[in-house]
Amino acid sequence: WASWCEPCKAEAPALARLYERYKDRVEFVAVNITAKDRIESVRAFVS
């Protein structure tokens, strides 16, 4: 994902909910394509 990506923003709440539900059985990682993003924007998106 990237912080400027509108579909990424739409999907993020589902990922957060699913992580809480499955975190004991499934690992989750979000790979920010930081080469095309800004670290400040990444932190704000995550928060």
ModelCIF file with pLDDT and N, C-alpha, C, O atoms, coordinates in Angstrom:
data_MODEL
#
_entry.id   MODEL 
#
_entity.id                         1 
_entity.type                       polymer 
_entity.pdbx_number_of_molecules   1 
#
_entity_poly.entity_id                      1 
_entity_poly.type                           'polypeptide(L)' 
_entity_poly.nstd_linkage                   no 
_entity_poly.nstd_monomer                   no 
_entity_poly.pdbx_seq_one_letter_code       WASWCEPCKAEAPALARLYERYKDRVEFVAVNITAKDRIESVRAFVS 
_entity_poly.pdbx_seq_one_letter_code_can   WASWCEPCKAEAPALARLYERYKDRVEFVAVNITAKDRIESVRAFVS 
_entity_poly.pdbx_strand_id                 A 
#
loop_
_entity_poly_seq.entity_id 
_entity_poly_seq.num 
_entity_poly_seq.mon_id 
_entity_poly_seq.hetero 
1 1  TRP n 
1 2  ALA n 
1 3  SER n 
1 4  TRP n 
1 5  CYS n 
1 6  GLU n 
1 7  PRO n 
1 8  CYS n 
1 9  LYS n 
1 10 ALA n 
1 11 GLU n 
1 12 ALA n 
1 13 PRO n 
1 14 ALA n 
1 15 LEU n 
1 16 ALA n 
1 17 ARG n 
1 18 LEU n 
1 19 TYR n 
1 20 GLU n 
1 21 ARG n 
1 22 TYR n 
1 23 LYS n 
1 24 ASP n 
1 25 ARG n 
1 26 VAL n 
1 27 GLU n 
1 28 PHE n 
1 29 VAL n 
1 30 ALA n 
1 31 VAL n 
1 32 ASN n 
1 33 ILE n 
1 34 THR n 
1 35 ALA n 
1 36 LYS n 
1 37 ASP n 
1 38 ARG n 
1 39 ILE n 
1 40 GLU n 
1 41 SER n 
1 42 VAL n 
1 43 ARG n 
1 44 ALA n 
1 45 PHE n 
1 46 VAL n 
1 47 SER n 
#
_struct_asym.id          A 
_struct_asym.entity_id   1 
#
loop_
_ma_qa_metric.id 
_ma_qa_metric.mode 
_ma_qa_metric.name 
_ma_qa_metric.software_group_id 
_ma_qa_metric.type 
1 global pLDDT . pLDDT 
2 local  pLDDT . pLDDT 
#
_ma_qa_metric_global.metric_id      1 
_ma_qa_metric_global.metric_value   96.98 
_ma_qa_metric_global.model_id       1 
_ma_qa_metric_global.ordinal_id     1 
#
loop_
_ma_qa_metric_local.label_asym_id 
_ma_qa_metric_local.label_comp_id 
_ma_qa_metric_local.label_seq_id 
_ma_qa_metric_local.metric_id 
_ma_qa_metric_local.metric_value 
_ma_qa_metric_local.model_id 
_ma_qa_metric_local.ordinal_id 
A TRP 1  2 98.00 1 1  
A ALA 2  2 98.00 1 2  
A SER 3  2 97.00 1 3  
A TRP 4  2 97.00 1 4  
A CYS 5  2 97.00 1 5  
A GLU 6  2 97.00 1 6  
A PRO 7  2 98.00 1 7  
A CYS 8  2 98.00 1 8  
A LYS 9  2 98.00 1 9  
A ALA 10 2 97.00 1 10 
A GLU 11 2 97.00 1 11 
A ALA 12 2 98.00 1 12 
A PRO 13 2 97.00 1 13 
A ALA 14 2 97.00 1 14 
A LEU 15 2 97.00 1 15 
A ALA 16 2 97.00 1 16 
A ARG 17 2 97.00 1 17 
A LEU 18 2 97.00 1 18 
A TYR 19 2 98.00 1 19 
A GLU 20 2 97.00 1 20 
A ARG 21 2 97.00 1 21 
A TYR 22 2 97.00 1 22 
A LYS 23 2 96.00 1 23 
A ASP 24 2 96.00 1 24 
A ARG 25 2 97.00 1 25 
A VAL 26 2 98.00 1 26 
A GLU 27 2 98.00 1 27 
A PHE 28 2 98.00 1 28 
A VAL 29 2 98.00 1 29 
A ALA 30 2 98.00 1 30 
A VAL 31 2 98.00 1 31 
A ASN 32 2 98.00 1 32 
A ILE 33 2 96.00 1 33 
A THR 34 2 94.00 1 34 
A ALA 35 2 93.00 1 35 
A LYS 36 2 91.00 1 36 
A ASP 37 2 96.00 1 37 
A ARG 38 2 95.00 1 38 
A ILE 39 2 96.00 1 39 
A GLU 40 2 97.00 1 40 
A SER 41 2 97.00 1 41 
A VAL 42 2 98.00 1 42 
A ARG 43 2 98.00 1 43 
A ALA 44 2 98.00 1 44 
A PHE 45 2 98.00 1 45 
A VAL 46 2 98.00 1 46 
A SER 47 2 97.00 1 47 
#
loop_
_atom_site.group_PDB 
_atom_site.id 
_atom_site.type_symbol 
_atom_site.label_atom_id 
_atom_site.label_alt_id 
_atom_site.label_comp_id 
_atom_site.label_asym_id 
_atom_site.label_entity_id 
_atom_site.label_seq_id 
_atom_site.pdbx_PDB_ins_code 
_atom_site.Cartn_x 
_atom_site.Cartn_y 
_atom_site.Cartn_z 
_atom_site.occupancy 
_atom_site.B_iso_or_equiv 
_atom_site.pdbx_formal_charge 
_atom_site.auth_seq_id 
_atom_site.auth_comp_id 
_atom_site.auth_asym_id 
_atom_site.auth_atom_id 
_atom_site.pdbx_PDB_model_num 
ATOM 1   N N  . TRP A 1 1  ? 0.834   -1.206  0.000  1.00 98.00 ? 1  TRP A N  1 
ATOM 2   C CA . TRP A 1 1  ? 0.000   0.000   0.000  1.00 98.00 ? 1  TRP A CA 1 
ATOM 3   C C  . TRP A 1 1  ? 0.871   1.259   0.000  1.00 98.00 ? 1  TRP A C  1 
ATOM 4   O O  . TRP A 1 1  ? 2.097   1.198   0.097  1.00 98.00 ? 1  TRP A O  1 
ATOM 5   N N  . ALA A 1 2  ? 0.190   2.400   -0.112 1.00 98.00 ? 2  ALA A N  1 
ATOM 6   C CA . ALA A 1 2  ? 0.812   3.728   0.035  1.00 98.00 ? 2  ALA A CA 1 
ATOM 7   C C  . ALA A 1 2  ? -0.203  4.646   0.715  1.00 98.00 ? 2  ALA A C  1 
ATOM 8   O O  . ALA A 1 2  ? -1.412  4.453   0.585  1.00 98.00 ? 2  ALA A O  1 
ATOM 9   N N  . SER A 1 3  ? 0.294   5.628   1.429  1.00 97.00 ? 3  SER A N  1 
ATOM 10  C CA . SER A 1 3  ? -0.601  6.500   2.201  1.00 97.00 ? 3  SER A CA 1 
ATOM 11  C C  . SER A 1 3  ? -1.494  7.374   1.333  1.00 97.00 ? 3  SER A C  1 
ATOM 12  O O  . SER A 1 3  ? -2.572  7.770   1.776  1.00 97.00 ? 3  SER A O  1 
ATOM 13  N N  . TRP A 1 4  ? -1.079  7.684   0.119  1.00 97.00 ? 4  TRP A N  1 
ATOM 14  C CA . TRP A 1 4  ? -1.844  8.551   -0.776 1.00 97.00 ? 4  TRP A CA 1 
ATOM 15  C C  . TRP A 1 4  ? -2.894  7.776   -1.581 1.00 97.00 ? 4  TRP A C  1 
ATOM 16  O O  . TRP A 1 4  ? -3.684  8.384   -2.304 1.00 97.00 ? 4  TRP A O  1 
ATOM 17  N N  . CYS A 1 5  ? -2.911  6.485   -1.469 1.00 97.00 ? 5  CYS A N  1 
ATOM 18  C CA . CYS A 1 5  ? -3.780  5.606   -2.258 1.00 97.00 ? 5  CYS A CA 1 
ATOM 19  C C  . CYS A 1 5  ? -5.190  5.539   -1.648 1.00 97.00 ? 5  CYS A C  1 
ATOM 20  O O  . CYS A 1 5  ? -5.366  5.016   -0.547 1.00 97.00 ? 5  CYS A O  1 
ATOM 21  N N  . GLU A 1 6  ? -6.181  6.066   -2.360 1.00 97.00 ? 6  GLU A N  1 
ATOM 22  C CA . GLU A 1 6  ? -7.557  6.067   -1.863 1.00 97.00 ? 6  GLU A CA 1 
ATOM 23  C C  . GLU A 1 6  ? -8.105  4.655   -1.620 1.00 97.00 ? 6  GLU A C  1 
ATOM 24  O O  . GLU A 1 6  ? -8.716  4.424   -0.577 1.00 97.00 ? 6  GLU A O  1 
ATOM 25  N N  . PRO A 1 7  ? -7.911  3.702   -2.542 1.00 98.00 ? 7  PRO A N  1 
ATOM 26  C CA . PRO A 1 7  ? -8.379  2.339   -2.254 1.00 98.00 ? 7  PRO A CA 1 
ATOM 27  C C  . PRO A 1 7  ? -7.685  1.730   -1.029 1.00 98.00 ? 7  PRO A C  1 
ATOM 28  O O  . PRO A 1 7  ? -8.286  0.922   -0.321 1.00 98.00 ? 7  PRO A O  1 
ATOM 29  N N  . CYS A 1 8  ? -6.440  2.107   -0.776 1.00 98.00 ? 8  CYS A N  1 
ATOM 30  C CA . CYS A 1 8  ? -5.726  1.627   0.413  1.00 98.00 ? 8  CYS A CA 1 
ATOM 31  C C  . CYS A 1 8  ? -6.403  2.156   1.678  1.00 98.00 ? 8  CYS A C  1 
ATOM 32  O O  . CYS A 1 8  ? -6.543  1.439   2.669  1.00 98.00 ? 8  CYS A O  1 
ATOM 33  N N  . LYS A 1 9  ? -6.814  3.407   1.628  1.00 98.00 ? 9  LYS A N  1 
ATOM 34  C CA . LYS A 1 9  ? -7.520  4.006   2.758  1.00 98.00 ? 9  LYS A CA 1 
ATOM 35  C C  . LYS A 1 9  ? -8.850  3.308   3.000  1.00 98.00 ? 9  LYS A C  1 
ATOM 36  O O  . LYS A 1 9  ? -9.244  3.092   4.146  1.00 98.00 ? 9  LYS A O  1 
ATOM 37  N N  . ALA A 1 10 ? -9.538  2.957   1.924  1.00 97.00 ? 10 ALA A N  1 
ATOM 38  C CA . ALA A 1 10 ? -10.833 2.284   2.050  1.00 97.00 ? 10 ALA A CA 1 
ATOM 39  C C  . ALA A 1 10 ? -10.680 0.888   2.659  1.00 97.00 ? 10 ALA A C  1 
ATOM 40  O O  . ALA A 1 10 ? -11.559 0.428   3.387  1.00 97.00 ? 10 ALA A O  1 
ATOM 41  N N  . GLU A 1 11 ? -9.572  0.219   2.363  1.00 97.00 ? 11 GLU A N  1 
ATOM 42  C CA . GLU A 1 11 ? -9.342  -1.155  2.797  1.00 97.00 ? 11 GLU A CA 1 
ATOM 43  C C  . GLU A 1 11 ? -8.760  -1.255  4.211  1.00 97.00 ? 11 GLU A C  1 
ATOM 44  O O  . GLU A 1 11 ? -8.955  -2.268  4.882  1.00 97.00 ? 11 GLU A O  1 
ATOM 45  N N  . ALA A 1 12 ? -8.059  -0.233  4.666  1.00 98.00 ? 12 ALA A N  1 
ATOM 46  C CA . ALA A 1 12 ? -7.337  -0.279  5.936  1.00 98.00 ? 12 ALA A CA 1 
ATOM 47  C C  . ALA A 1 12 ? -8.199  -0.672  7.142  1.00 98.00 ? 12 ALA A C  1 
ATOM 48  O O  . ALA A 1 12 ? -7.739  -1.468  7.960  1.00 98.00 ? 12 ALA A O  1 
ATOM 49  N N  . PRO A 1 13 ? -9.419  -0.159  7.293  1.00 97.00 ? 13 PRO A N  1 
ATOM 50  C CA . PRO A 1 13 ? -10.221 -0.569  8.454  1.00 97.00 ? 13 PRO A CA 1 
ATOM 51  C C  . PRO A 1 13 ? -10.510 -2.077  8.482  1.00 97.00 ? 13 PRO A C  1 
ATOM 52  O O  . PRO A 1 13 ? -10.541 -2.682  9.553  1.00 97.00 ? 13 PRO A O  1 
ATOM 53  N N  . ALA A 1 14 ? -10.718 -2.672  7.324  1.00 97.00 ? 14 ALA A N  1 
ATOM 54  C CA . ALA A 1 14 ? -10.953 -4.121  7.267  1.00 97.00 ? 14 ALA A CA 1 
ATOM 55  C C  . ALA A 1 14 ? -9.714  -4.874  7.728  1.00 97.00 ? 14 ALA A C  1 
ATOM 56  O O  . ALA A 1 14 ? -9.820  -5.837  8.487  1.00 97.00 ? 14 ALA A O  1 
ATOM 57  N N  . LEU A 1 15 ? -8.538  -4.443  7.273  1.00 97.00 ? 15 LEU A N  1 
ATOM 58  C CA . LEU A 1 15 ? -7.300  -5.102  7.687  1.00 97.00 ? 15 LEU A CA 1 
ATOM 59  C C  . LEU A 1 15 ? -7.104  -4.996  9.200  1.00 97.00 ? 15 LEU A C  1 
ATOM 60  O O  . LEU A 1 15 ? -6.710  -5.969  9.843  1.00 97.00 ? 15 LEU A O  1 
ATOM 61  N N  . ALA A 1 16 ? -7.375  -3.831  9.765  1.00 97.00 ? 16 ALA A N  1 
ATOM 62  C CA . ALA A 1 16 ? -7.232  -3.646  11.213 1.00 97.00 ? 16 ALA A CA 1 
ATOM 63  C C  . ALA A 1 16 ? -8.168  -4.583  11.971 1.00 97.00 ? 16 ALA A C  1 
ATOM 64  O O  . ALA A 1 16 ? -7.757  -5.203  12.952 1.00 97.00 ? 16 ALA A O  1 
ATOM 65  N N  . ARG A 1 17 ? -9.415  -4.693  11.534 1.00 97.00 ? 17 ARG A N  1 
ATOM 66  C CA . ARG A 1 17 ? -10.384 -5.583  12.185 1.00 97.00 ? 17 ARG A CA 1 
ATOM 67  C C  . ARG A 1 17 ? -9.971  -7.050  12.052 1.00 97.00 ? 17 ARG A C  1 
ATOM 68  O O  . ARG A 1 17 ? -10.052 -7.811  13.017 1.00 97.00 ? 17 ARG A O  1 
ATOM 69  N N  . LEU A 1 18 ? -9.530  -7.440  10.862 1.00 97.00 ? 18 LEU A N  1 
ATOM 70  C CA . LEU A 1 18 ? -9.160  -8.835  10.634 1.00 97.00 ? 18 LEU A CA 1 
ATOM 71  C C  . LEU A 1 18 ? -7.913  -9.224  11.418 1.00 97.00 ? 18 LEU A C  1 
ATOM 72  O O  . LEU A 1 18 ? -7.800  -10.351 11.899 1.00 97.00 ? 18 LEU A O  1 
ATOM 73  N N  . TYR A 1 19 ? -6.989  -8.294  11.543 1.00 98.00 ? 19 TYR A N  1 
ATOM 74  C CA . TYR A 1 19 ? -5.813  -8.573  12.359 1.00 98.00 ? 19 TYR A CA 1 
ATOM 75  C C  . TYR A 1 19 ? -6.230  -8.884  13.794 1.00 98.00 ? 19 TYR A C  1 
ATOM 76  O O  . TYR A 1 19 ? -5.754  -9.854  14.385 1.00 98.00 ? 19 TYR A O  1 
ATOM 77  N N  . GLU A 1 20 ? -7.108  -8.074  14.349 1.00 97.00 ? 20 GLU A N  1 
ATOM 78  C CA . GLU A 1 20 ? -7.562  -8.311  15.724 1.00 97.00 ? 20 GLU A CA 1 
ATOM 79  C C  . GLU A 1 20 ? -8.245  -9.670  15.848 1.00 97.00 ? 20 GLU A C  1 
ATOM 80  O O  . GLU A 1 20 ? -8.123  -10.334 16.877 1.00 97.00 ? 20 GLU A O  1 
ATOM 81  N N  . ARG A 1 21 ? -8.943  -10.074 14.832 1.00 97.00 ? 21 ARG A N  1 
ATOM 82  C CA . ARG A 1 21 ? -9.664  -11.355 14.874 1.00 97.00 ? 21 ARG A CA 1 
ATOM 83  C C  . ARG A 1 21 ? -8.729  -12.553 14.691 1.00 97.00 ? 21 ARG A C  1 
ATOM 84  O O  . ARG A 1 21 ? -8.903  -13.577 15.352 1.00 97.00 ? 21 ARG A O  1 
ATOM 85  N N  . TYR A 1 22 ? -7.743  -12.434 13.803 1.00 97.00 ? 22 TYR A N  1 
ATOM 86  C CA . TYR A 1 22 ? -6.922  -13.593 13.422 1.00 97.00 ? 22 TYR A CA 1 
ATOM 87  C C  . TYR A 1 22 ? -5.475  -13.548 13.916 1.00 97.00 ? 22 TYR A C  1 
ATOM 88  O O  . TYR A 1 22 ? -4.706  -14.450 13.585 1.00 97.00 ? 22 TYR A O  1 
ATOM 89  N N  . LYS A 1 23 ? -5.077  -12.557 14.681 1.00 96.00 ? 23 LYS A N  1 
ATOM 90  C CA . LYS A 1 23 ? -3.667  -12.366 15.015 1.00 96.00 ? 23 LYS A CA 1 
ATOM 91  C C  . LYS A 1 23 ? -3.015  -13.553 15.724 1.00 96.00 ? 23 LYS A C  1 
ATOM 92  O O  . LYS A 1 23 ? -1.791  -13.685 15.689 1.00 96.00 ? 23 LYS A O  1 
ATOM 93  N N  . ASP A 1 24 ? -3.791  -14.408 16.359 1.00 96.00 ? 24 ASP A N  1 
ATOM 94  C CA . ASP A 1 24 ? -3.224  -15.584 17.016 1.00 96.00 ? 24 ASP A CA 1 
ATOM 95  C C  . ASP A 1 24 ? -2.953  -16.723 16.035 1.00 96.00 ? 24 ASP A C  1 
ATOM 96  O O  . ASP A 1 24 ? -2.206  -17.652 16.344 1.00 96.00 ? 24 ASP A O  1 
ATOM 97  N N  . ARG A 1 25 ? -3.564  -16.647 14.851 1.00 97.00 ? 25 ARG A N  1 
ATOM 98  C CA . ARG A 1 25 ? -3.421  -17.738 13.882 1.00 97.00 ? 25 ARG A CA 1 
ATOM 99  C C  . ARG A 1 25 ? -2.762  -17.336 12.571 1.00 97.00 ? 25 ARG A C  1 
ATOM 100 O O  . ARG A 1 25 ? -2.272  -18.189 11.831 1.00 97.00 ? 25 ARG A O  1 
ATOM 101 N N  . VAL A 1 26 ? -2.748  -16.027 12.281 1.00 98.00 ? 26 VAL A N  1 
ATOM 102 C CA . VAL A 1 26 ? -2.222  -15.539 11.008 1.00 98.00 ? 26 VAL A CA 1 
ATOM 103 C C  . VAL A 1 26 ? -1.342  -14.316 11.278 1.00 98.00 ? 26 VAL A C  1 
ATOM 104 O O  . VAL A 1 26 ? -1.705  -13.441 12.065 1.00 98.00 ? 26 VAL A O  1 
ATOM 105 N N  . GLU A 1 27 ? -0.187  -14.265 10.619 1.00 98.00 ? 27 GLU A N  1 
ATOM 106 C CA . GLU A 1 27 ? 0.673   -13.086 10.697 1.00 98.00 ? 27 GLU A CA 1 
ATOM 107 C C  . GLU A 1 27 ? 0.197   -12.071 9.653  1.00 98.00 ? 27 GLU A C  1 
ATOM 108 O O  . GLU A 1 27 ? -0.216  -12.451 8.557  1.00 98.00 ? 27 GLU A O  1 
ATOM 109 N N  . PHE A 1 28 ? 0.255   -10.802 9.991  1.00 98.00 ? 28 PHE A N  1 
ATOM 110 C CA . PHE A 1 28 ? -0.095  -9.717  9.073  1.00 98.00 ? 28 PHE A CA 1 
ATOM 111 C C  . PHE A 1 28 ? 1.087   -8.764  8.994  1.00 98.00 ? 28 PHE A C  1 
ATOM 112 O O  . PHE A 1 28 ? 1.684   -8.427  10.016 1.00 98.00 ? 28 PHE A O  1 
ATOM 113 N N  . VAL A 1 29 ? 1.428   -8.327  7.789  1.00 98.00 ? 29 VAL A N  1 
ATOM 114 C CA . VAL A 1 29 ? 2.383   -7.233  7.611  1.00 98.00 ? 29 VAL A CA 1 
ATOM 115 C C  . VAL A 1 29 ? 1.844   -6.317  6.515  1.00 98.00 ? 29 VAL A C  1 
ATOM 116 O O  . VAL A 1 29 ? 1.249   -6.763  5.534  1.00 98.00 ? 29 VAL A O  1 
ATOM 117 N N  . ALA A 1 30 ? 2.071   -5.038  6.717  1.00 98.00 ? 30 ALA A N  1 
ATOM 118 C CA . ALA A 1 30 ? 1.727   -4.045  5.700  1.00 98.00 ? 30 ALA A CA 1 
ATOM 119 C C  . ALA A 1 30 ? 3.040   -3.534  5.134  1.00 98.00 ? 30 ALA A C  1 
ATOM 120 O O  . ALA A 1 30 ? 3.881   -3.026  5.877  1.00 98.00 ? 30 ALA A O  1 
ATOM 121 N N  . VAL A 1 31 ? 3.223   -3.661  3.836  1.00 98.00 ? 31 VAL A N  1 
ATOM 122 C CA . VAL A 1 31 ? 4.451   -3.192  3.194  1.00 98.00 ? 31 VAL A CA 1 
ATOM 123 C C  . VAL A 1 31 ? 4.139   -1.870  2.494  1.00 98.00 ? 31 VAL A C  1 
ATOM 124 O O  . VAL A 1 31 ? 3.478   -1.830  1.457  1.00 98.00 ? 31 VAL A O  1 
ATOM 125 N N  . ASN A 1 32 ? 4.636   -0.797  3.097  1.00 98.00 ? 32 ASN A N  1 
ATOM 126 C CA . ASN A 1 32 ? 4.466   0.519   2.492  1.00 98.00 ? 32 ASN A CA 1 
ATOM 127 C C  . ASN A 1 32 ? 5.526   0.694   1.418  1.00 98.00 ? 32 ASN A C  1 
ATOM 128 O O  . ASN A 1 32 ? 6.711   0.465   1.662  1.00 98.00 ? 32 ASN A O  1 
ATOM 129 N N  . ILE A 1 33 ? 5.104   1.096   0.241  1.00 96.00 ? 33 ILE A N  1 
ATOM 130 C CA . ILE A 1 33 ? 6.043   1.339   -0.855 1.00 96.00 ? 33 ILE A CA 1 
ATOM 131 C C  . ILE A 1 33 ? 6.608   2.741   -0.633 1.00 96.00 ? 33 ILE A C  1 
ATOM 132 O O  . ILE A 1 33 ? 6.220   3.707   -1.290 1.00 96.00 ? 33 ILE A O  1 
ATOM 133 N N  . THR A 1 34 ? 7.529   2.813   0.308  1.00 94.00 ? 34 THR A N  1 
ATOM 134 C CA . THR A 1 34 ? 8.072   4.071   0.798  1.00 94.00 ? 34 THR A CA 1 
ATOM 135 C C  . THR A 1 34 ? 8.850   4.822   -0.277 1.00 94.00 ? 34 THR A C  1 
ATOM 136 O O  . THR A 1 34 ? 9.041   6.033   -0.168 1.00 94.00 ? 34 THR A O  1 
ATOM 137 N N  . ALA A 1 35 ? 9.294   4.127   -1.300 1.00 93.00 ? 35 ALA A N  1 
ATOM 138 C CA . ALA A 1 35 ? 9.993   4.797   -2.401 1.00 93.00 ? 35 ALA A CA 1 
ATOM 139 C C  . ALA A 1 35 ? 9.087   5.815   -3.082 1.00 93.00 ? 35 ALA A C  1 
ATOM 140 O O  . ALA A 1 35 ? 9.571   6.759   -3.708 1.00 93.00 ? 35 ALA A O  1 
ATOM 141 N N  . LYS A 1 36 ? 7.781   5.630   -2.965 1.00 91.00 ? 36 LYS A N  1 
ATOM 142 C CA . LYS A 1 36 ? 6.799   6.539   -3.577 1.00 91.00 ? 36 LYS A CA 1 
ATOM 143 C C  . LYS A 1 36 ? 5.914   7.197   -2.515 1.00 91.00 ? 36 LYS A C  1 
ATOM 144 O O  . LYS A 1 36 ? 4.795   7.615   -2.810 1.00 91.00 ? 36 LYS A O  1 
ATOM 145 N N  . ASP A 1 37 ? 6.417   7.287   -1.285 1.00 96.00 ? 37 ASP A N  1 
ATOM 146 C CA . ASP A 1 37 ? 5.626   7.813   -0.178 1.00 96.00 ? 37 ASP A CA 1 
ATOM 147 C C  . ASP A 1 37 ? 6.534   8.636   0.731  1.00 96.00 ? 37 ASP A C  1 
ATOM 148 O O  . ASP A 1 37 ? 7.747   8.687   0.524  1.00 96.00 ? 37 ASP A O  1 
ATOM 149 N N  . ARG A 1 38 ? 5.950   9.274   1.729  1.00 95.00 ? 38 ARG A N  1 
ATOM 150 C CA . ARG A 1 38 ? 6.711   10.045  2.720  1.00 95.00 ? 38 ARG A CA 1 
ATOM 151 C C  . ARG A 1 38 ? 6.492   9.405   4.080  1.00 95.00 ? 38 ARG A C  1 
ATOM 152 O O  . ARG A 1 38 ? 5.366   9.044   4.422  1.00 95.00 ? 38 ARG A O  1 
ATOM 153 N N  . ILE A 1 39 ? 7.555   9.261   4.855  1.00 96.00 ? 39 ILE A N  1 
ATOM 154 C CA . ILE A 1 39 ? 7.484   8.574   6.142  1.00 96.00 ? 39 ILE A CA 1 
ATOM 155 C C  . ILE A 1 39 ? 6.486   9.249   7.083  1.00 96.00 ? 39 ILE A C  1 
ATOM 156 O O  . ILE A 1 39 ? 5.805   8.571   7.852  1.00 96.00 ? 39 ILE A O  1 
ATOM 157 N N  . GLU A 1 40 ? 6.395   10.586  7.028  1.00 97.00 ? 40 GLU A N  1 
ATOM 158 C CA . GLU A 1 40 ? 5.421   11.287  7.885  1.00 97.00 ? 40 GLU A CA 1 
ATOM 159 C C  . GLU A 1 40 ? 3.997   10.879  7.519  1.00 97.00 ? 40 GLU A C  1 
ATOM 160 O O  . GLU A 1 40 ? 3.147   10.705  8.393  1.00 97.00 ? 40 GLU A O  1 
ATOM 161 N N  . SER A 1 41 ? 3.748   10.731  6.228  1.00 97.00 ? 41 SER A N  1 
ATOM 162 C CA . SER A 1 41 ? 2.419   10.320  5.765  1.00 97.00 ? 41 SER A CA 1 
ATOM 163 C C  . SER A 1 41 ? 2.126   8.880   6.145  1.00 97.00 ? 41 SER A C  1 
ATOM 164 O O  . SER A 1 41 ? 0.984   8.531   6.447  1.00 97.00 ? 41 SER A O  1 
ATOM 165 N N  . VAL A 1 42 ? 3.155   8.046   6.132  1.00 98.00 ? 42 VAL A N  1 
ATOM 166 C CA . VAL A 1 42 ? 2.996   6.639   6.540  1.00 98.00 ? 42 VAL A CA 1 
ATOM 167 C C  . VAL A 1 42 ? 2.588   6.588   8.009  1.00 98.00 ? 42 VAL A C  1 
ATOM 168 O O  . VAL A 1 42 ? 1.634   5.898   8.367  1.00 98.00 ? 42 VAL A O  1 
ATOM 169 N N  . ARG A 1 43 ? 3.302   7.311   8.850  1.00 98.00 ? 43 ARG A N  1 
ATOM 170 C CA . ARG A 1 43 ? 2.985   7.325   10.285 1.00 98.00 ? 43 ARG A CA 1 
ATOM 171 C C  . ARG A 1 43 ? 1.558   7.833   10.532 1.00 98.00 ? 43 ARG A C  1 
ATOM 172 O O  . ARG A 1 43 ? 0.832   7.263   11.347 1.00 98.00 ? 43 ARG A O  1 
ATOM 173 N N  . ALA A 1 44 ? 1.162   8.884   9.843  1.00 98.00 ? 44 ALA A N  1 
ATOM 174 C CA . ALA A 1 44 ? -0.186  9.436   10.009 1.00 98.00 ? 44 ALA A CA 1 
ATOM 175 C C  . ALA A 1 44 ? -1.246  8.421   9.575  1.00 98.00 ? 44 ALA A C  1 
ATOM 176 O O  . ALA A 1 44 ? -2.264  8.268   10.250 1.00 98.00 ? 44 ALA A O  1 
ATOM 177 N N  . PHE A 1 45 ? -1.020  7.733   8.464  1.00 98.00 ? 45 PHE A N  1 
ATOM 178 C CA . PHE A 1 45 ? -1.953  6.719   7.956  1.00 98.00 ? 45 PHE A CA 1 
ATOM 179 C C  . PHE A 1 45 ? -2.118  5.601   8.987  1.00 98.00 ? 45 PHE A C  1 
ATOM 180 O O  . PHE A 1 45 ? -3.239  5.204   9.306  1.00 98.00 ? 45 PHE A O  1 
ATOM 181 N N  . VAL A 1 46 ? -1.005  5.101   9.500  1.00 98.00 ? 46 VAL A N  1 
ATOM 182 C CA . VAL A 1 46 ? -1.029  4.000   10.477 1.00 98.00 ? 46 VAL A CA 1 
ATOM 183 C C  . VAL A 1 46 ? -1.787  4.419   11.733 1.00 98.00 ? 46 VAL A C  1 
ATOM 184 O O  . VAL A 1 46 ? -2.591  3.653   12.265 1.00 98.00 ? 46 VAL A O  1 
ATOM 185 N N  . SER A 1 47 ? -1.531  5.624   12.199 1.00 97.00 ? 47 SER A N  1 
ATOM 186 C CA . SER A 1 47 ? -2.216  6.137   13.381 1.00 97.00 ? 47 SER A CA 1 
ATOM 187 C C  . SER A 1 47 ? -3.714  6.320   13.126 1.00 97.00 ? 47 SER A C  1 
ATOM 188 O O  . SER A 1 47 ? -4.445  6.746   14.020 1.00 97.00 ? 47 SER A O  1 
#
